[in-house]
Every structure is written in C-alpha cells, then in structure tokens.
Amino acid sequence: MSVHSSADKRHAQSLVRRMRNRRVKSQVHTSGRKFLEAIKAKDQAAAAECLKSLQAEIDAAKSKGVVKANAASRKKSRMYKLFNKTFAKAE
C-alpha cells in the first residue's frame, strides 16, 4: 500500500496505459506477421494490402506515442524495402 492516494491513482493510470500500449503493439506485430506470410507466399496483391494496413497501424502507434518516430520510420522502411526486393522481378 502506498502512503499517498495520488500514488494509487498514478499506478492505476499506468496500468491502463500499459494495457493500451500492449494492445497497439500487438496489432502492429500481428499485421507484420500477416505481411511476412504474404511475402513468403509470393502473393503480391495480398502483400500490398497487408503493407498498406501495416503502414497505417505503425503511423497510428507513432501518433499515440507507443512507438517512437525513428523506430516507426525504420520499420516502414524495412517493410517497403522487403516488398520492393521481393516483387521487383515480377513487374
């Protein structure tokens, strides 16, 4: 037990924020897995759709402060590079 009631409130708020951040991160990781599965299956249409949704989720996580700006840019850059490398010969 804490001495101050404000400490109890801050702890409760931190737990709520932690769960919210975990949910956002989990959505980003799930979209990333779907994108990588589409890349492994060599399905360009599905990979393009997954990449679009992955980019939107990374940007949303960045705007919420869950992911830092440079980390979000790095993740998007790596995914686009993988997409372009995989399907460069197909075009």
PDB file of N, CA and C in Angstrom:
ATOM      1  N   MET A   1       0.846  -1.195   0.000  1.00  0.00           N
ATOM      2  CA  MET A   1       0.000   0.000   0.000  1.00  0.00           C
ATOM      3  C   MET A   1       0.876   1.237   0.000  1.00  0.00           C
ATOM      4  N   SER A   2       0.441   2.204  -0.749  1.00  0.00           N
ATOM      5  CA  SER A   2       1.173   3.461  -0.778  1.00  0.00           C
ATOM      6  C   SER A   2       0.613   4.409   0.276  1.00  0.00           C
ATOM      7  N   VAL A   3       1.427   5.387   0.593  1.00  0.00           N
ATOM      8  CA  VAL A   3       1.035   6.351   1.613  1.00  0.00           C
ATOM      9  C   VAL A   3       0.053   7.375   1.042  1.00  0.00           C
ATOM     10  N   HIS A   4       0.302   7.747  -0.217  1.00  0.00           N
ATOM     11  CA  HIS A   4      -0.492   8.811  -0.835  1.00  0.00           C
ATOM     12  C   HIS A   4      -1.547   8.223  -1.775  1.00  0.00           C
ATOM     13  N   SER A   5      -2.713   8.801  -1.729  1.00  0.00           N
ATOM     14  CA  SER A   5      -3.764   8.334  -2.639  1.00  0.00           C
ATOM     15  C   SER A   5      -3.435   8.692  -4.075  1.00  0.00           C
ATOM     16  N   SER A   6      -2.667   9.775  -4.274  1.00  0.00           N
ATOM     17  CA  SER A   6      -2.279  10.154  -5.636  1.00  0.00           C
ATOM     18  C   SER A   6      -1.363   9.099  -6.260  1.00  0.00           C
ATOM     19  N   ALA A   7      -0.570   8.432  -5.427  1.00  0.00           N
ATOM     20  CA  ALA A   7       0.288   7.354  -5.930  1.00  0.00           C
ATOM     21  C   ALA A   7      -0.553   6.171  -6.396  1.00  0.00           C
ATOM     22  N   ASP A   8      -1.621   5.885  -5.674  1.00  0.00           N
ATOM     23  CA  ASP A   8      -2.527   4.812  -6.098  1.00  0.00           C
ATOM     24  C   ASP A   8      -3.165   5.147  -7.442  1.00  0.00           C
ATOM     25  N   LYS A   9      -3.555   6.403  -7.583  1.00  0.00           N
ATOM     26  CA  LYS A   9      -4.183   6.832  -8.838  1.00  0.00           C
ATOM     27  C   LYS A   9      -3.188   6.740  -9.993  1.00  0.00           C
ATOM     28  N   ARG A  10      -1.962   7.210  -9.779  1.00  0.00           N
ATOM     29  CA  ARG A  10      -0.946   7.154 -10.828  1.00  0.00           C
ATOM     30  C   ARG A  10      -0.659   5.704 -11.230  1.00  0.00           C
ATOM     31  N   HIS A  11      -0.626   4.815 -10.243  1.00  0.00           N
ATOM     32  CA  HIS A  11      -0.373   3.407 -10.550  1.00  0.00           C
ATOM     33  C   HIS A  11      -1.509   2.819 -11.383  1.00  0.00           C
ATOM     34  N   ALA A  12      -2.734   3.156 -11.029  1.00  0.00           N
ATOM     35  CA  ALA A  12      -3.886   2.665 -11.795  1.00  0.00           C
ATOM     36  C   ALA A  12      -3.853   3.207 -13.215  1.00  0.00           C
ATOM     37  N   GLN A  13      -3.479   4.477 -13.373  1.00  0.00           N
ATOM     38  CA  GLN A  13      -3.395   5.072 -14.711  1.00  0.00           C
ATOM     39  C   GLN A  13      -2.296   4.405 -15.531  1.00  0.00           C
ATOM     40  N   SER A  14      -1.174   4.099 -14.867  1.00  0.00           N
ATOM     41  CA  SER A  14      -0.077   3.462 -15.595  1.00  0.00           C
ATOM     42  C   SER A  14      -0.469   2.070 -16.083  1.00  0.00           C
ATOM     43  N   LEU A  15      -1.262   1.359 -15.293  1.00  0.00           N
ATOM     44  CA  LEU A  15      -1.720   0.036 -15.722  1.00  0.00           C
ATOM     45  C   LEU A  15      -2.638   0.133 -16.936  1.00  0.00           C
ATOM     46  N   VAL A  16      -3.522   1.129 -16.940  1.00  0.00           N
ATOM     47  CA  VAL A  16      -4.422   1.325 -18.079  1.00  0.00           C
ATOM     48  C   VAL A  16      -3.614   1.658 -19.326  1.00  0.00           C
ATOM     49  N   ARG A  17      -2.645   2.553 -19.177  1.00  0.00           N
ATOM     50  CA  ARG A  17      -1.812   2.938 -20.325  1.00  0.00           C
ATOM     51  C   ARG A  17      -0.990   1.760 -20.828  1.00  0.00           C
ATOM     52  N   ARG A  18      -0.484   0.956 -19.900  1.00  0.00           N
ATOM     53  CA  ARG A  18       0.320  -0.206 -20.272  1.00  0.00           C
ATOM     54  C   ARG A  18      -0.499  -1.183 -21.104  1.00  0.00           C
ATOM     55  N   MET A  19      -1.719  -1.439 -20.702  1.00  0.00           N
ATOM     56  CA  MET A  19      -2.565  -2.361 -21.450  1.00  0.00           C
ATOM     57  C   MET A  19      -2.914  -1.794 -22.826  1.00  0.00           C
ATOM     58  N   ARG A  20      -3.174  -0.499 -22.885  1.00  0.00           N
ATOM     59  CA  ARG A  20      -3.468   0.138 -24.158  1.00  0.00           C
ATOM     60  C   ARG A  20      -2.265   0.044 -25.102  1.00  0.00           C
ATOM     61  N   ASN A  21      -1.073   0.304 -24.575  1.00  0.00           N
ATOM     62  CA  ASN A  21       0.143   0.233 -25.391  1.00  0.00           C
ATOM     63  C   ASN A  21       0.409  -1.191 -25.859  1.00  0.00           C
ATOM     64  N   ARG A  22       0.169  -2.170 -24.984  1.00  0.00           N
ATOM     65  CA  ARG A  22       0.367  -3.565 -25.379  1.00  0.00           C
ATOM     66  C   ARG A  22      -0.590  -3.957 -26.496  1.00  0.00           C
ATOM     67  N   ARG A  23      -1.827  -3.466 -26.420  1.00  0.00           N
ATOM     68  CA  ARG A  23      -2.810  -3.786 -27.454  1.00  0.00           C
ATOM     69  C   ARG A  23      -2.364  -3.208 -28.805  1.00  0.00           C
ATOM     70  N   VAL A  24      -1.880  -1.975 -28.808  1.00  0.00           N
ATOM     71  CA  VAL A  24      -1.442  -1.337 -30.050  1.00  0.00           C
ATOM     72  C   VAL A  24      -0.225  -2.058 -30.615  1.00  0.00           C
ATOM     73  N   LYS A  25       0.740  -2.376 -29.745  1.00  0.00           N
ATOM     74  CA  LYS A  25       1.932  -3.087 -30.202  1.00  0.00           C
ATOM     75  C   LYS A  25       1.578  -4.460 -30.758  1.00  0.00           C
ATOM     76  N   SER A  26       0.639  -5.132 -30.117  1.00  0.00           N
ATOM     77  CA  SER A  26       0.218  -6.446 -30.575  1.00  0.00           C
ATOM     78  C   SER A  26      -0.415  -6.376 -31.961  1.00  0.00           C
ATOM     79  N   GLN A  27      -1.213  -5.346 -32.200  1.00  0.00           N
ATOM     80  CA  GLN A  27      -1.819  -5.174 -33.520  1.00  0.00           C
ATOM     81  C   GLN A  27      -0.746  -4.952 -34.589  1.00  0.00           C
ATOM     82  N   VAL A  28       0.271  -4.167 -34.255  1.00  0.00           N
ATOM     83  CA  VAL A  28       1.355  -3.921 -35.201  1.00  0.00           C
ATOM     84  C   VAL A  28       2.102  -5.216 -35.497  1.00  0.00           C
ATOM     85  N   HIS A  29       2.401  -5.991 -34.462  1.00  0.00           N
ATOM     86  CA  HIS A  29       3.115  -7.257 -34.659  1.00  0.00           C
ATOM     87  C   HIS A  29       2.286  -8.240 -35.476  1.00  0.00           C
ATOM     88  N   THR A  30       0.984  -8.290 -35.241  1.00  0.00           N
ATOM     89  CA  THR A  30       0.112  -9.188 -35.994  1.00  0.00           C
ATOM     90  C   THR A  30       0.080  -8.796 -37.466  1.00  0.00           C
ATOM     91  N   SER A  31      -0.027  -7.514 -37.743  1.00  0.00           N
ATOM     92  CA  SER A  31      -0.016  -7.059 -39.133  1.00  0.00           C
ATOM     93  C   SER A  31       1.319  -7.369 -39.793  1.00  0.00           C
ATOM     94  N   GLY A  32       2.391  -7.227 -39.045  1.00  0.00           N
ATOM     95  CA  GLY A  32       3.711  -7.563 -39.578  1.00  0.00           C
ATOM     96  C   GLY A  32       3.825  -9.029 -39.933  1.00  0.00           C
ATOM     97  N   ARG A  33       3.277  -9.897 -39.076  1.00  0.00           N
ATOM     98  CA  ARG A  33       3.299 -11.333 -39.369  1.00  0.00           C
ATOM     99  C   ARG A  33       2.481 -11.650 -40.619  1.00  0.00           C
ATOM    100  N   LYS A  34       1.315 -11.031 -40.751  1.00  0.00           N
ATOM    101  CA  LYS A  34       0.487 -11.271 -41.938  1.00  0.00           C
ATOM    102  C   LYS A  34       1.213 -10.823 -43.195  1.00  0.00           C
ATOM    103  N   PHE A  35       1.901  -9.690 -43.108  1.00  0.00           N
ATOM    104  CA  PHE A  35       2.664  -9.185 -44.253  1.00  0.00           C
ATOM    105  C   PHE A  35       3.777 -10.161 -44.630  1.00  0.00           C
ATOM    106  N   LEU A  36       4.504 -10.660 -43.637  1.00  0.00           N
ATOM    107  CA  LEU A  36       5.599 -11.585 -43.923  1.00  0.00           C
ATOM    108  C   LEU A  36       5.086 -12.909 -44.488  1.00  0.00           C
ATOM    109  N   GLU A  37       3.915 -13.345 -44.028  1.00  0.00           N
ATOM    110  CA  GLU A  37       3.326 -14.564 -44.593  1.00  0.00           C
ATOM    111  C   GLU A  37       2.951 -14.361 -46.054  1.00  0.00           C
ATOM    112  N   ALA A  38       2.429 -13.185 -46.374  1.00  0.00           N
ATOM    113  CA  ALA A  38       2.084 -12.889 -47.774  1.00  0.00           C
ATOM    114  C   ALA A  38       3.340 -12.813 -48.628  1.00  0.00           C
ATOM    115  N   ILE A  39       4.429 -12.281 -48.069  1.00  0.00           N
ATOM    116  CA  ILE A  39       5.699 -12.221 -48.796  1.00  0.00           C
ATOM    117  C   ILE A  39       6.217 -13.639 -49.062  1.00  0.00           C
ATOM    118  N   LYS A  40       6.163 -14.505 -48.043  1.00  0.00           N
ATOM    119  CA  LYS A  40       6.643 -15.881 -48.209  1.00  0.00           C
ATOM    120  C   LYS A  40       5.812 -16.640 -49.224  1.00  0.00           C
ATOM    121  N   ALA A  41       4.511 -16.319 -49.306  1.00  0.00           N
ATOM    122  CA  ALA A  41       3.631 -16.989 -50.262  1.00  0.00           C
ATOM    123  C   ALA A  41       3.749 -16.389 -51.662  1.00  0.00           C
ATOM    124  N   LYS A  42       4.542 -15.332 -51.795  1.00  0.00           N
ATOM    125  CA  LYS A  42       4.752 -14.642 -53.086  1.00  0.00           C
ATOM    126  C   LYS A  42       3.436 -14.114 -53.663  1.00  0.00           C
ATOM    127  N   ASP A  43       2.547 -13.695 -52.783  1.00  0.00           N
ATOM    128  CA  ASP A  43       1.254 -13.135 -53.194  1.00  0.00           C
ATOM    129  C   ASP A  43       1.354 -11.612 -53.157  1.00  0.00           C
ATOM    130  N   GLN A  44       1.578 -11.019 -54.318  1.00  0.00           N
ATOM    131  CA  GLN A  44       1.840  -9.579 -54.379  1.00  0.00           C
ATOM    132  C   GLN A  44       0.623  -8.752 -53.972  1.00  0.00           C
ATOM    133  N   ALA A  45      -0.557  -9.149 -54.393  1.00  0.00           N
ATOM    134  CA  ALA A  45      -1.761  -8.380 -54.070  1.00  0.00           C
ATOM    135  C   ALA A  45      -2.017  -8.386 -52.558  1.00  0.00           C
ATOM    136  N   ALA A  46      -1.911  -9.557 -51.958  1.00  0.00           N
ATOM    137  CA  ALA A  46      -2.129  -9.657 -50.513  1.00  0.00           C
ATOM    138  C   ALA A  46      -1.043  -8.918 -49.744  1.00  0.00           C
ATOM    139  N   ALA A  47       0.189  -9.008 -50.224  1.00  0.00           N
ATOM    140  CA  ALA A  47       1.296  -8.320 -49.557  1.00  0.00           C
ATOM    141  C   ALA A  47       1.121  -6.806 -49.637  1.00  0.00           C
ATOM    142  N   ALA A  48       0.656  -6.321 -50.773  1.00  0.00           N
ATOM    143  CA  ALA A  48       0.437  -4.874 -50.917  1.00  0.00           C
ATOM    144  C   ALA A  48      -0.664  -4.404 -49.969  1.00  0.00           C
ATOM    145  N   GLU A  49      -1.716  -5.190 -49.838  1.00  0.00           N
ATOM    146  CA  GLU A  49      -2.807  -4.828 -48.927  1.00  0.00           C
ATOM    147  C   GLU A  49      -2.335  -4.867 -47.475  1.00  0.00           C
ATOM    148  N   CYS A  50      -1.574  -5.902 -47.126  1.00  0.00           N
ATOM    149  CA  CYS A  50      -1.048  -6.006 -45.762  1.00  0.00           C
ATOM    150  C   CYS A  50      -0.065  -4.877 -45.465  1.00  0.00           C
ATOM    151  N   LEU A  51       0.724  -4.505 -46.456  1.00  0.00           N
ATOM    152  CA  LEU A  51       1.685  -3.420 -46.267  1.00  0.00           C
ATOM    153  C   LEU A  51       0.974  -2.099 -46.022  1.00  0.00           C
ATOM    154  N   LYS A  52      -0.116  -1.881 -46.728  1.00  0.00           N
ATOM    155  CA  LYS A  52      -0.885  -0.652 -46.545  1.00  0.00           C
ATOM    156  C   LYS A  52      -1.474  -0.575 -45.134  1.00  0.00           C
ATOM    157  N   SER A  53      -2.040  -1.689 -44.661  1.00  0.00           N
ATOM    158  CA  SER A  53      -2.613  -1.686 -43.317  1.00  0.00           C
ATOM    159  C   SER A  53      -1.525  -1.627 -42.246  1.00  0.00           C
ATOM    160  N   LEU A  54      -0.382  -2.258 -42.510  1.00  0.00           N
ATOM    161  CA  LEU A  54       0.737  -2.208 -41.571  1.00  0.00           C
ATOM    162  C   LEU A  54       1.259  -0.783 -41.429  1.00  0.00           C
ATOM    163  N   GLN A  55       1.367  -0.092 -42.545  1.00  0.00           N
ATOM    164  CA  GLN A  55       1.829   1.297 -42.502  1.00  0.00           C
ATOM    165  C   GLN A  55       0.864   2.159 -41.685  1.00  0.00           C
ATOM    166  N   ALA A  56      -0.420   1.968 -41.877  1.00  0.00           N
ATOM    167  CA  ALA A  56      -1.420   2.740 -41.139  1.00  0.00           C
ATOM    168  C   ALA A  56      -1.332   2.457 -39.639  1.00  0.00           C
ATOM    169  N   GLU A  57      -1.135   1.197 -39.274  1.00  0.00           N
ATOM    170  CA  GLU A  57      -1.054   0.851 -37.860  1.00  0.00           C
ATOM    171  C   GLU A  57       0.226   1.369 -37.215  1.00  0.00           C
ATOM    172  N   ILE A  58       1.332   1.345 -37.962  1.00  0.00           N
ATOM    173  CA  ILE A  58       2.581   1.897 -37.435  1.00  0.00           C
ATOM    174  C   ILE A  58       2.446   3.397 -37.228  1.00  0.00           C
ATOM    175  N   ASP A  59       1.824   4.081 -38.193  1.00  0.00           N
ATOM    176  CA  ASP A  59       1.618   5.526 -38.054  1.00  0.00           C
ATOM    177  C   ASP A  59       0.700   5.853 -36.878  1.00  0.00           C
ATOM    178  N   ALA A  60      -0.315   5.037 -36.668  1.00  0.00           N
ATOM    179  CA  ALA A  60      -1.223   5.255 -35.537  1.00  0.00           C
ATOM    180  C   ALA A  60      -0.489   5.044 -34.216  1.00  0.00           C
ATOM    181  N   ALA A  61       0.344   4.018 -34.159  1.00  0.00           N
ATOM    182  CA  ALA A  61       1.121   3.767 -32.939  1.00  0.00           C
ATOM    183  C   ALA A  61       2.094   4.910 -32.679  1.00  0.00           C
ATOM    184  N   LYS A  62       2.661   5.448 -33.753  1.00  0.00           N
ATOM    185  CA  LYS A  62       3.577   6.577 -33.603  1.00  0.00           C
ATOM    186  C   LYS A  62       2.845   7.811 -33.092  1.00  0.00           C
ATOM    187  N   SER A  63       1.667   8.071 -33.617  1.00  0.00           N
ATOM    188  CA  SER A  63       0.922   9.258 -33.201  1.00  0.00           C
ATOM    189  C   SER A  63       0.432   9.142 -31.764  1.00  0.00           C
ATOM    190  N   LYS A  64       0.210   7.901 -31.289  1.00  0.00           N
ATOM    191  CA  LYS A  64      -0.219   7.690 -29.907  1.00  0.00           C
ATOM    192  C   LYS A  64       0.949   7.685 -28.935  1.00  0.00           C
ATOM    193  N   GLY A  65       2.171   7.693 -29.460  1.00  0.00           N
ATOM    194  CA  GLY A  65       3.342   7.707 -28.594  1.00  0.00           C
ATOM    195  C   GLY A  65       3.777   6.333 -28.142  1.00  0.00           C
ATOM    196  N   VAL A  66       3.206   5.294 -28.715  1.00  0.00           N
ATOM    197  CA  VAL A  66       3.571   3.931 -28.335  1.00  0.00           C
ATOM    198  C   VAL A  66       4.913   3.556 -28.968  1.00  0.00           C
ATOM    199  N   VAL A  67       5.127   3.996 -30.203  1.00  0.00           N
ATOM    200  CA  VAL A  67       6.365   3.743 -30.932  1.00  0.00           C
ATOM    201  C   VAL A  67       6.996   5.090 -31.240  1.00  0.00           C
ATOM    202  N   LYS A  68       8.289   5.190 -31.059  1.00  0.00           N
ATOM    203  CA  LYS A  68       8.983   6.448 -31.337  1.00  0.00           C
ATOM    204  C   LYS A  68       9.065   6.674 -32.844  1.00  0.00           C
ATOM    205  N   ALA A  69       9.241   7.927 -33.228  1.00  0.00           N
ATOM    206  CA  ALA A  69       9.178   8.312 -34.637  1.00  0.00           C
ATOM    207  C   ALA A  69      10.238   7.608 -35.471  1.00  0.00           C
ATOM    208  N   ASN A  70      11.470   7.573 -34.988  1.00  0.00           N
ATOM    209  CA  ASN A  70      12.535   6.936 -35.765  1.00  0.00           C
ATOM    210  C   ASN A  70      12.316   5.433 -35.879  1.00  0.00           C
ATOM    211  N   ALA A  71      11.808   4.817 -34.837  1.00  0.00           N
ATOM    212  CA  ALA A  71      11.534   3.377 -34.879  1.00  0.00           C
ATOM    213  C   ALA A  71      10.434   3.080 -35.891  1.00  0.00           C
ATOM    214  N   ALA A  72       9.402   3.926 -35.928  1.00  0.00           N
ATOM    215  CA  ALA A  72       8.312   3.735 -36.887  1.00  0.00           C
ATOM    216  C   ALA A  72       8.838   3.885 -38.315  1.00  0.00           C
ATOM    217  N   SER A  73       9.648   4.896 -38.551  1.00  0.00           N
ATOM    218  CA  SER A  73      10.214   5.105 -39.881  1.00  0.00           C
ATOM    219  C   SER A  73      11.092   3.932 -40.288  1.00  0.00           C
ATOM    220  N   ARG A  74      11.872   3.422 -39.352  1.00  0.00           N
ATOM    221  CA  ARG A  74      12.756   2.298 -39.639  1.00  0.00           C
ATOM    222  C   ARG A  74      11.958   1.051 -39.997  1.00  0.00           C
ATOM    223  N   LYS A  75      10.883   0.770 -39.240  1.00  0.00           N
ATOM    224  CA  LYS A  75      10.051  -0.401 -39.520  1.00  0.00           C
ATOM    225  C   LYS A  75       9.411  -0.300 -40.906  1.00  0.00           C
ATOM    226  N   LYS A  76       8.851   0.880 -41.210  1.00  0.00           N
ATOM    227  CA  LYS A  76       8.205   1.059 -42.515  1.00  0.00           C
ATOM    228  C   LYS A  76       9.225   0.932 -43.638  1.00  0.00           C
ATOM    229  N   SER A  77      10.402   1.506 -43.453  1.00  0.00           N
ATOM    230  CA  SER A  77      11.434   1.444 -44.478  1.00  0.00           C
ATOM    231  C   SER A  77      11.843   0.005 -44.756  1.00  0.00           C
ATOM    232  N   ARG A  78      12.012  -0.777 -43.708  1.00  0.00           N
ATOM    233  CA  ARG A  78      12.414  -2.171 -43.888  1.00  0.00           C
ATOM    234  C   ARG A  78      11.333  -2.982 -44.588  1.00  0.00           C
ATOM    235  N   MET A  79      10.079  -2.720 -44.265  1.00  0.00           N
ATOM    236  CA  MET A  79       8.996  -3.458 -44.896  1.00  0.00           C
ATOM    237  C   MET A  79       8.866  -3.094 -46.385  1.00  0.00           C
ATOM    238  N   TYR A  80       8.982  -1.799 -46.695  1.00  0.00           N
ATOM    239  CA  TYR A  80       8.920  -1.388 -48.094  1.00  0.00           C
ATOM    240  C   TYR A  80      10.093  -1.942 -48.884  1.00  0.00           C
ATOM    241  N   LYS A  81      11.277  -1.960 -48.266  1.00  0.00           N
ATOM    242  CA  LYS A  81      12.457  -2.498 -48.942  1.00  0.00           C
ATOM    243  C   LYS A  81      12.270  -3.980 -49.234  1.00  0.00           C
ATOM    244  N   LEU A  82      11.720  -4.720 -48.280  1.00  0.00           N
ATOM    245  CA  LEU A  82      11.461  -6.147 -48.475  1.00  0.00           C
ATOM    246  C   LEU A  82      10.434  -6.367 -49.580  1.00  0.00           C
ATOM    247  N   PHE A  83       9.371  -5.558 -49.571  1.00  0.00           N
ATOM    248  CA  PHE A  83       8.335  -5.682 -50.597  1.00  0.00           C
ATOM    249  C   PHE A  83       8.922  -5.418 -51.986  1.00  0.00           C
ATOM    250  N   ASN A  84       9.660  -4.333 -52.114  1.00  0.00           N
ATOM    251  CA  ASN A  84      10.230  -3.972 -53.424  1.00  0.00           C
ATOM    252  C   ASN A  84      11.259  -4.993 -53.889  1.00  0.00           C
ATOM    253  N   LYS A  85      12.055  -5.521 -52.974  1.00  0.00           N
ATOM    254  CA  LYS A  85      13.051  -6.529 -53.329  1.00  0.00           C
ATOM    255  C   LYS A  85      12.386  -7.832 -53.774  1.00  0.00           C
ATOM    256  N   THR A  86      11.313  -8.205 -53.101  1.00  0.00           N
ATOM    257  CA  THR A  86      10.642  -9.466 -53.402  1.00  0.00           C
ATOM    258  C   THR A  86       9.928  -9.416 -54.746  1.00  0.00           C
ATOM    259  N   PHE A  87       9.269  -8.293 -55.024  1.00  0.00           N
ATOM    260  CA  PHE A  87       8.431  -8.231 -56.224  1.00  0.00           C
ATOM    261  C   PHE A  87       9.016  -7.370 -57.329  1.00  0.00           C
ATOM    262  N   ALA A  88      10.300  -7.078 -57.295  1.00  0.00           N
ATOM    263  CA  ALA A  88      10.940  -6.276 -58.342  1.00  0.00           C
ATOM    264  C   ALA A  88      10.958  -7.011 -59.673  1.00  0.00           C
ATOM    265  N   LYS A  89      11.202  -8.308 -59.623  1.00  0.00           N
ATOM    266  CA  LYS A  89      11.291  -9.105 -60.857  1.00  0.00           C
ATOM    267  C   LYS A  89       9.919  -9.372 -61.453  1.00  0.00           C
ATOM    268  N   ALA A  90       8.876  -9.327 -60.626  1.00  0.00           N
ATOM    269  CA  ALA A  90       7.535  -9.655 -61.094  1.00  0.00           C
ATOM    270  C   ALA A  90       6.965  -8.573 -62.015  1.00  0.00           C
ATOM    271  N   GLU A  91       7.468  -7.363 -61.852  1.00  0.00           N
ATOM    272  CA  GLU A  91       6.887  -6.257 -62.639  1.00  0.00           C
ATOM    273  C   GLU A  91       7.497  -6.100 -63.977  1.00  0.00           C
TER     274      GLU A  91
END
